[in-house]
Amino acid sequence: MKALNSLLMAGVMLSLAGCIPRIEVAAPKEPITINMNVKIEHEIHIKVDKDVEALLKNQSDLF
């Protein structure tokens, strides 16, 4: 009886060993497309000293 139980238990364990889940990593068939419609606007404000502002007005050929 003990041998039959052991044999039955071994058979159950072997049959359960085939039920291990399998994980598979594969590349997609179609390429990945990322559509980014982005609108970027910048406003730059420059504050200068009165001396520099006067210099820029008097000598406009500096830049």
N, C-alpha and C. Protein backbone atom coordinates (compact mmCIF):
# COMPACT_ATOMS: atom_id res chain seq x y z
N MET A 1 0.82 -1.19 0.00
CA MET A 1 0.00 0.00 0.00
C MET A 1 0.88 1.26 0.00
N LYS A 2 1.96 1.22 0.82
CA LYS A 2 2.86 2.36 0.88
C LYS A 2 3.54 2.59 -0.46
N ALA A 3 3.90 1.53 -1.12
CA ALA A 3 4.58 1.64 -2.41
C ALA A 3 3.62 2.21 -3.45
N LEU A 4 2.36 1.81 -3.38
CA LEU A 4 1.35 2.31 -4.32
C LEU A 4 1.11 3.80 -4.11
N ASN A 5 1.05 4.22 -2.84
CA ASN A 5 0.89 5.64 -2.54
C ASN A 5 2.10 6.44 -3.02
N SER A 6 3.29 5.91 -2.81
CA SER A 6 4.51 6.59 -3.26
C SER A 6 4.52 6.70 -4.78
N LEU A 7 4.15 5.64 -5.44
CA LEU A 7 4.12 5.63 -6.90
C LEU A 7 3.05 6.59 -7.42
N LEU A 8 1.91 6.62 -6.79
CA LEU A 8 0.84 7.54 -7.18
C LEU A 8 1.27 8.99 -6.94
N MET A 9 1.92 9.23 -5.82
CA MET A 9 2.40 10.58 -5.50
C MET A 9 3.47 11.01 -6.50
N ALA A 10 4.36 10.16 -6.89
CA ALA A 10 5.40 10.48 -7.87
C ALA A 10 4.76 10.78 -9.22
N GLY A 11 3.74 10.02 -9.59
CA GLY A 11 3.04 10.27 -10.85
C GLY A 11 2.34 11.62 -10.85
N VAL A 12 1.72 11.99 -9.75
CA VAL A 12 1.05 13.28 -9.64
C VAL A 12 2.07 14.41 -9.73
N MET A 13 3.20 14.24 -9.06
CA MET A 13 4.22 15.29 -9.09
C MET A 13 4.80 15.45 -10.49
N LEU A 14 5.01 14.36 -11.20
CA LEU A 14 5.53 14.44 -12.56
C LEU A 14 4.52 15.10 -13.50
N SER A 15 3.25 14.82 -13.32
CA SER A 15 2.24 15.44 -14.18
C SER A 15 2.09 16.93 -13.88
N LEU A 16 2.28 17.33 -12.63
CA LEU A 16 2.21 18.75 -12.28
C LEU A 16 3.46 19.51 -12.73
N ALA A 17 4.56 18.83 -12.90
CA ALA A 17 5.79 19.48 -13.34
C ALA A 17 5.63 20.00 -14.77
N GLY A 18 4.76 19.43 -15.55
CA GLY A 18 4.51 19.89 -16.91
C GLY A 18 3.63 21.13 -16.95
N CYS A 19 3.08 21.57 -15.84
CA CYS A 19 2.17 22.72 -15.79
C CYS A 19 2.89 24.00 -15.38
N ILE A 20 4.19 24.06 -15.54
CA ILE A 20 4.94 25.26 -15.16
C ILE A 20 4.67 26.33 -16.21
N PRO A 21 4.28 27.54 -15.79
CA PRO A 21 4.00 28.60 -16.77
C PRO A 21 5.27 29.03 -17.51
N ARG A 22 5.11 29.37 -18.78
CA ARG A 22 6.24 29.78 -19.61
C ARG A 22 6.08 31.24 -19.97
N ILE A 23 7.13 32.01 -19.77
CA ILE A 23 7.11 33.43 -20.11
C ILE A 23 7.94 33.62 -21.38
N GLU A 24 7.37 34.31 -22.34
CA GLU A 24 8.05 34.52 -23.62
C GLU A 24 8.09 36.01 -23.93
N VAL A 25 9.26 36.49 -24.31
CA VAL A 25 9.43 37.89 -24.70
C VAL A 25 9.72 37.91 -26.19
N ALA A 26 8.88 38.65 -26.93
CA ALA A 26 9.06 38.71 -28.38
C ALA A 26 8.87 40.14 -28.85
N ALA A 27 9.55 40.49 -29.92
CA ALA A 27 9.41 41.82 -30.50
C ALA A 27 8.07 41.92 -31.22
N PRO A 28 7.46 43.12 -31.22
CA PRO A 28 6.18 43.26 -31.92
C PRO A 28 6.36 43.13 -33.44
N LYS A 29 5.31 42.71 -34.11
CA LYS A 29 5.36 42.54 -35.56
C LYS A 29 5.36 43.88 -36.28
N GLU A 30 4.66 44.87 -35.73
CA GLU A 30 4.61 46.20 -36.33
C GLU A 30 5.49 47.15 -35.52
N PRO A 31 6.10 48.14 -36.18
CA PRO A 31 6.95 49.08 -35.44
C PRO A 31 6.12 49.95 -34.49
N ILE A 32 6.74 50.38 -33.43
CA ILE A 32 6.08 51.25 -32.45
C ILE A 32 6.14 52.68 -32.98
N THR A 33 4.99 53.34 -33.05
CA THR A 33 4.91 54.71 -33.55
C THR A 33 4.53 55.63 -32.40
N ILE A 34 5.32 56.68 -32.23
CA ILE A 34 5.03 57.68 -31.21
C ILE A 34 4.75 58.99 -31.93
N ASN A 35 3.54 59.49 -31.80
CA ASN A 35 3.13 60.72 -32.47
C ASN A 35 3.10 61.83 -31.43
N MET A 36 4.00 62.79 -31.58
CA MET A 36 4.06 63.89 -30.62
C MET A 36 3.87 65.21 -31.36
N ASN A 37 2.72 65.79 -31.19
CA ASN A 37 2.46 67.11 -31.74
C ASN A 37 2.66 68.12 -30.61
N VAL A 38 3.79 68.79 -30.64
CA VAL A 38 4.15 69.69 -29.55
C VAL A 38 4.40 71.08 -30.13
N LYS A 39 3.81 72.06 -29.51
CA LYS A 39 4.02 73.44 -29.92
C LYS A 39 4.73 74.16 -28.78
N ILE A 40 5.91 74.67 -29.08
CA ILE A 40 6.72 75.33 -28.05
C ILE A 40 6.87 76.80 -28.44
N GLU A 41 6.53 77.66 -27.52
CA GLU A 41 6.68 79.10 -27.72
C GLU A 41 7.51 79.66 -26.58
N HIS A 42 8.43 80.57 -26.94
CA HIS A 42 9.28 81.18 -25.93
C HIS A 42 9.19 82.70 -26.06
N GLU A 43 9.21 83.35 -24.94
CA GLU A 43 9.32 84.79 -24.90
C GLU A 43 10.50 85.12 -24.01
N ILE A 44 11.42 85.90 -24.56
CA ILE A 44 12.61 86.25 -23.81
C ILE A 44 12.59 87.75 -23.56
N HIS A 45 12.64 88.12 -22.31
CA HIS A 45 12.66 89.52 -21.90
C HIS A 45 14.02 89.80 -21.28
N ILE A 46 14.68 90.84 -21.80
CA ILE A 46 15.99 91.21 -21.29
C ILE A 46 15.90 92.59 -20.66
N LYS A 47 16.35 92.68 -19.43
CA LYS A 47 16.40 93.97 -18.74
C LYS A 47 17.86 94.36 -18.62
N VAL A 48 18.18 95.58 -19.03
CA VAL A 48 19.56 96.05 -18.93
C VAL A 48 19.60 97.34 -18.12
N ASP A 49 20.77 97.64 -17.64
CA ASP A 49 20.95 98.88 -16.88
C ASP A 49 20.80 100.08 -17.81
N LYS A 50 20.56 101.23 -17.23
CA LYS A 50 20.38 102.45 -18.02
C LYS A 50 21.66 102.81 -18.78
N ASP A 51 22.82 102.55 -18.18
CA ASP A 51 24.09 102.86 -18.85
C ASP A 51 24.26 102.00 -20.11
N VAL A 52 23.96 100.74 -20.00
CA VAL A 52 24.09 99.84 -21.16
C VAL A 52 23.06 100.20 -22.21
N GLU A 53 21.86 100.51 -21.79
CA GLU A 53 20.82 100.89 -22.74
C GLU A 53 21.22 102.16 -23.50
N ALA A 54 21.79 103.14 -22.81
CA ALA A 54 22.24 104.37 -23.45
C ALA A 54 23.38 104.08 -24.42
N LEU A 55 24.28 103.19 -24.05
CA LEU A 55 25.39 102.82 -24.92
C LEU A 55 24.88 102.16 -26.19
N LEU A 56 23.90 101.28 -26.06
CA LEU A 56 23.33 100.61 -27.23
C LEU A 56 22.60 101.60 -28.15
N LYS A 57 21.97 102.61 -27.56
CA LYS A 57 21.28 103.60 -28.38
C LYS A 57 22.28 104.50 -29.11
N ASN A 58 23.35 104.88 -28.42
CA ASN A 58 24.33 105.79 -29.02
C ASN A 58 25.20 105.10 -30.06
N GLN A 59 25.57 103.87 -29.82
CA GLN A 59 26.44 103.14 -30.74
C GLN A 59 25.68 101.94 -31.28
N SER A 60 24.82 102.16 -32.22
CA SER A 60 23.98 101.09 -32.74
C SER A 60 24.75 100.09 -33.61
N ASP A 61 25.99 100.41 -33.98
CA ASP A 61 26.78 99.51 -34.81
C ASP A 61 27.58 98.49 -34.01
N LEU A 62 27.30 98.35 -32.73
CA LEU A 62 28.03 97.37 -31.91
C LEU A 62 27.71 95.94 -32.31
N PHE A 63 26.49 95.70 -32.67
CA PHE A 63 26.10 94.32 -33.01
C PHE A 63 25.71 94.27 -34.46
